[in-house]
Every structure is written in structure tokens, then in C-alpha cells.
Amino acid sequence: MTSSKFTELYVVPFPTLLGDDADGSLARPYSSLKRALDHVEHKYYRKLIVRDHTYRRLSRASISGGMPITHWIEIDDDVYKAVVPSTVYVNQLFADDRRIIRTRIPMNQSAYLQYEAPLNDPNQARYGFQYVQGQFDSIPLNDVIVVVYHSWTTSHHYIDQIITSNRTILFTNPSDLPIGTFTMQGKRRFHIENSCLALVSNSFCFVNETKT
């Protein structure tokens, strides 16, 4: 017998003032994965029934939901390209058991862009913002992802259109709340991912049109 009940736990990647009052809820998230794992270990118990069989211990554990990408071709100094099957969309890449980061603008991982203002139209407020002049100039927009910072969460968006007359960017998918709701926490921050113009060492980008 199985149960459809489940519990969602929330974890933020920075220390909070909640301390022992954190319970993993959206209002009082944990500040480390260890706290979340301890929550699961202490709160839930499950009986496992193992089939009578000889189970050999592997020398190395591997958990993967991905697929190998092969036949890489060097197209420039330390720049490689591979073609993936037509049904595959690549948003994570690993090499030698290490995650390769997706390209990012700004390239400095600790830096961010800031948009000019949220949108006043309630029908568009979850779908975009007013950007600062020049932020999206000369960037091919087909496959880039805009990561918007809210409170302790982010939302990831593909671009639907850019209206240059009033510097409005609109996304194909909405955020949970109007962008700019948490101005003090989010500070109008965002960054851009998956632009091939931002390739640096140990990074990757994916072009869906050519599947490379």
C-alpha cells in the first residue's frame, strides 16, 4: 500500500535568523540541505523489503538521469561542439564527474544585472519587466534564459519578445508572483544564462535550433 501524501521542504542557500525555529516550510525554510535531510530522517520511517538475492557492493556509486553526449569536435582553441538527438534539450552538462556551468551574463558569478522597473500592467506583471537601455543589445535571444531574483527564490524565463520603444521584455512563462513584489530582498536583480557570446573556460551553451 502506498500513500499519495507528501511533504514539501524548502531550503535557502544562505544563513537565516530563524535558527531552531526553521521547520522547512516556505515561511521558515532551512538554510542547509543537512537540516532538510535530518528532518526526513527524524520525521519519516519507511520499511524496505529486499528480495532474497546476492547483492554486490559496487566500488563506486553513480546516480544519473542523463545521457552521454559523444563525438565532440574541436572548433577553436579549447572550444568543442557536439550534436545531440533532436528530442533532447540540454540544460545541464557534466564532464569527468564535474558539473560544467552554463554561460552567464555577467560572467562574474557574484555580479548581477538590475532591471529599471516592474511592469504596471497587472496582466503583464508576472511576465516581464522594464529593462535598462543596452542590457539586451547584441545578444541572440532565441535560447537565452533570464533568471529573476525575488525573495529567497528565483524564476527562470525564456524570452517571448522585447519592445524597444518602452524597453519592455516579456517572457513566455510567468513567475509565481508579480516581478518586483519583493523589492527590498530581490533588489531588481537578474542575470542571463545560455548565451554563447559569454563562453569562458569550463562553461557551456546550448543552441536548440542546431541541437549543438
Protein backbone atom coordinates (compact mmCIF):
# COMPACT_ATOMS: atom_id res chain seq x y z
CA MET A 1 0.00 0.00 0.00
CA THR A 2 1.30 3.41 -0.89
CA SER A 3 0.20 6.86 0.17
CA SER A 4 -0.05 9.91 -2.08
CA LYS A 5 0.70 12.25 0.82
CA PHE A 6 3.98 14.11 0.63
CA THR A 7 5.71 16.98 2.36
CA GLU A 8 7.49 19.83 0.60
CA LEU A 9 10.63 21.11 2.30
CA TYR A 10 12.18 24.48 1.43
CA VAL A 11 15.91 25.24 1.67
CA VAL A 12 17.62 28.58 1.05
CA PRO A 13 21.35 28.82 0.16
CA PHE A 14 22.27 31.31 2.89
CA PRO A 15 22.08 31.61 6.70
CA THR A 16 18.87 32.96 8.19
CA LEU A 17 17.87 34.39 11.56
CA LEU A 18 15.38 31.58 12.15
CA GLY A 19 17.84 29.21 13.84
CA ASP A 20 15.99 26.39 15.61
CA ASP A 21 12.67 27.93 14.58
CA ALA A 22 13.18 26.84 10.98
CA ASP A 23 10.87 23.97 10.07
CA GLY A 24 11.36 23.62 6.31
CA SER A 25 8.18 25.46 5.40
CA LEU A 26 8.05 28.24 2.81
CA ALA A 27 7.76 30.80 5.60
CA ARG A 28 10.54 29.26 7.72
CA PRO A 29 12.93 27.47 5.35
CA TYR A 30 16.02 25.54 6.35
CA SER A 31 19.38 27.09 5.49
CA SER A 32 21.20 23.86 4.64
CA LEU A 33 20.47 20.56 2.91
CA LYS A 34 21.72 18.73 6.01
CA ARG A 35 18.88 20.22 8.06
CA ALA A 36 16.40 19.06 5.44
CA LEU A 37 17.88 15.55 5.38
CA ASP A 38 17.81 15.42 9.18
CA HIS A 39 14.14 16.41 9.01
CA VAL A 40 13.41 13.47 6.70
CA GLU A 41 15.45 11.05 8.82
CA HIS A 42 13.80 12.03 12.11
CA LYS A 43 10.24 12.53 10.91
CA TYR A 44 9.69 9.69 8.49
CA TYR A 45 10.31 5.98 8.69
CA ARG A 46 9.89 3.51 5.87
CA LYS A 47 10.15 -0.26 5.82
CA LEU A 48 12.22 -1.61 2.93
CA ILE A 49 11.75 -5.20 1.77
CA VAL A 50 14.73 -6.53 -0.18
CA ARG A 51 14.40 -9.56 -2.41
CA ASP A 52 16.43 -12.58 -1.33
CA HIS A 53 19.42 -12.28 -3.61
CA THR A 54 23.17 -11.71 -3.62
CA TYR A 55 23.87 -8.00 -3.96
CA ARG A 56 27.42 -6.99 -4.73
CA ARG A 57 28.80 -3.73 -3.44
CA LEU A 58 29.99 -1.54 -6.28
CA SER A 59 33.33 0.22 -5.93
CA ARG A 60 31.74 3.47 -6.98
CA ALA A 61 28.18 4.76 -6.80
CA SER A 62 26.67 6.66 -9.71
CA ILE A 63 23.24 8.27 -9.93
CA SER A 64 22.38 9.73 -13.30
CA GLY A 65 19.23 10.64 -15.16
CA GLY A 66 21.09 11.95 -18.16
CA MET A 67 22.53 10.59 -21.38
CA PRO A 68 26.09 10.51 -22.77
CA ILE A 69 27.00 13.20 -25.30
CA THR A 70 29.70 11.90 -27.64
CA HIS A 71 31.57 12.81 -30.85
CA TRP A 72 32.86 16.17 -29.67
CA ILE A 73 34.66 18.23 -32.33
CA GLU A 74 37.18 20.94 -31.51
CA ILE A 75 36.13 24.09 -33.39
CA ASP A 76 38.56 26.52 -31.75
CA ASP A 77 41.24 26.54 -29.07
CA ASP A 78 39.67 24.59 -26.18
CA VAL A 79 36.18 25.10 -27.67
CA TYR A 80 34.26 21.93 -28.54
CA LYS A 81 30.92 21.21 -30.20
CA ALA A 82 28.67 18.15 -30.28
CA VAL A 83 25.30 17.39 -31.86
CA VAL A 84 22.56 15.87 -29.69
CA PRO A 85 19.43 13.94 -30.73
CA SER A 86 16.54 16.07 -31.97
CA THR A 87 14.35 15.27 -28.96
CA VAL A 88 16.94 16.35 -26.39
CA TYR A 89 17.21 19.75 -24.75
CA VAL A 90 20.43 20.23 -22.77
CA ASN A 91 20.25 22.35 -19.62
CA GLN A 92 22.93 20.55 -17.59
CA LEU A 93 26.29 19.16 -18.64
CA PHE A 94 28.79 17.05 -16.70
CA ALA A 95 32.35 16.07 -17.62
CA ASP A 96 34.68 13.86 -15.56
CA ASP A 97 32.14 13.78 -12.71
CA ARG A 98 32.10 17.55 -12.53
CA ARG A 99 29.29 19.89 -13.46
CA ILE A 100 30.05 22.34 -16.27
CA ILE A 101 28.34 25.67 -15.61
CA ARG A 102 26.03 27.26 -18.14
CA THR A 103 27.26 30.55 -19.60
CA ARG A 104 26.24 33.61 -17.64
CA ILE A 105 25.97 37.38 -18.10
CA PRO A 106 27.55 38.99 -16.12
CA MET A 107 30.36 36.45 -16.36
CA ASN A 108 31.39 37.17 -12.75
CA GLN A 109 29.32 34.66 -10.75
CA SER A 110 28.86 37.13 -7.89
CA ALA A 111 27.64 40.01 -10.08
CA TYR A 112 24.12 40.76 -11.29
CA LEU A 113 22.18 42.99 -13.63
CA GLN A 114 19.35 45.21 -12.37
CA TYR A 115 16.20 46.00 -14.29
CA GLU A 116 14.77 49.50 -14.40
CA ALA A 117 11.27 48.88 -13.01
CA PRO A 118 8.48 46.30 -12.71
CA LEU A 119 5.57 46.45 -15.13
CA ASN A 120 2.46 48.34 -14.01
CA ASP A 121 0.04 46.36 -16.17
CA PRO A 122 -1.30 43.59 -13.87
CA ASN A 123 -1.75 41.30 -16.87
CA GLN A 124 1.97 41.55 -17.66
CA ALA A 125 3.48 41.97 -14.19
CA ARG A 126 4.40 38.27 -13.87
CA TYR A 127 5.71 38.08 -17.43
CA GLY A 128 8.47 40.68 -17.58
CA PHE A 129 9.95 43.99 -16.54
CA GLN A 130 11.30 47.24 -17.93
CA TYR A 131 14.99 46.82 -18.63
CA VAL A 132 17.83 49.33 -18.67
CA GLN A 133 18.89 50.57 -22.09
CA GLY A 134 21.58 48.34 -23.59
CA GLN A 135 21.11 45.27 -21.37
CA PHE A 136 19.85 43.06 -24.22
CA ASP A 137 21.63 44.68 -27.16
CA SER A 138 23.61 42.37 -29.47
CA ILE A 139 22.55 39.21 -27.61
CA PRO A 140 20.85 36.46 -29.69
CA LEU A 141 17.70 35.85 -27.68
CA ASN A 142 16.32 32.54 -29.01
CA ASP A 143 17.78 30.26 -26.35
CA VAL A 144 18.85 32.57 -23.54
CA ILE A 145 17.32 32.23 -20.09
CA VAL A 146 16.61 35.18 -17.82
CA VAL A 147 16.95 34.29 -14.13
CA VAL A 148 15.00 36.76 -11.96
CA TYR A 149 15.69 37.08 -8.21
CA HIS A 150 12.70 37.52 -5.92
CA SER A 151 13.00 36.99 -2.16
CA TRP A 152 14.97 33.80 -1.48
CA THR A 153 13.69 32.25 -4.70
CA THR A 154 14.39 32.71 -8.40
CA SER A 155 12.35 32.16 -11.53
CA HIS A 156 13.70 31.09 -14.92
CA HIS A 157 12.23 32.52 -18.11
CA TYR A 158 12.56 32.25 -21.87
CA ILE A 159 12.07 35.45 -23.83
CA ASP A 160 8.87 35.95 -25.81
CA GLN A 161 9.51 39.46 -27.14
CA ILE A 162 11.34 42.71 -26.49
CA ILE A 163 9.56 46.02 -27.04
CA THR A 164 12.33 48.53 -27.65
CA SER A 165 10.05 51.58 -27.70
CA ASN A 166 9.48 51.36 -23.94
CA ARG A 167 12.29 48.90 -23.05
CA THR A 168 9.90 46.13 -22.02
CA ILE A 169 10.89 42.47 -22.02
CA LEU A 170 8.14 39.83 -21.96
CA PHE A 171 8.63 36.16 -21.14
CA THR A 172 6.94 33.01 -22.40
CA ASN A 173 6.25 31.79 -18.86
CA PRO A 174 5.19 33.72 -15.73
CA SER A 175 6.74 33.93 -12.27
CA ASP A 176 4.60 32.87 -9.30
CA LEU A 177 4.16 36.47 -8.15
CA PRO A 178 4.46 39.81 -9.96
CA ILE A 179 8.12 40.54 -10.65
CA GLY A 180 9.28 43.22 -8.22
CA THR A 181 6.95 42.16 -5.37
CA PHE A 182 9.93 41.76 -3.02
CA THR A 183 11.92 44.84 -4.00
CA MET A 184 13.98 45.01 -0.80
CA GLN A 185 15.06 41.37 -1.00
CA GLY A 186 15.27 40.94 -4.76
CA LYS A 187 16.78 44.40 -5.43
CA ARG A 188 15.59 44.18 -9.07
CA ARG A 189 18.37 41.67 -9.76
CA PHE A 190 18.58 39.26 -12.67
CA HIS A 191 21.18 37.57 -14.83
CA ILE A 192 21.20 35.99 -18.28
CA GLU A 193 22.19 32.37 -18.97
CA ASN A 194 22.92 30.23 -22.03
CA SER A 195 24.31 32.94 -24.30
CA CYS A 196 27.12 31.57 -26.47
CA LEU A 197 28.63 35.06 -26.51
CA ALA A 198 29.60 34.55 -22.86
CA LEU A 199 31.63 31.35 -23.21
CA VAL A 200 34.51 31.10 -20.76
CA SER A 201 36.65 28.19 -19.62
CA ASN A 202 34.61 25.27 -18.25
CA SER A 203 31.25 26.63 -19.36
CA PHE A 204 28.71 25.60 -22.00
CA CYS A 205 25.78 26.90 -24.00
CA PHE A 206 23.12 25.01 -25.97
CA VAL A 207 21.61 26.13 -29.29
CA ASN A 208 18.26 24.40 -29.71
CA GLU A 209 17.88 25.30 -33.40
CA THR A 210 21.02 23.40 -34.40
CA LYS A 211 20.98 20.96 -31.45
CA THR A 212 24.60 21.82 -30.63
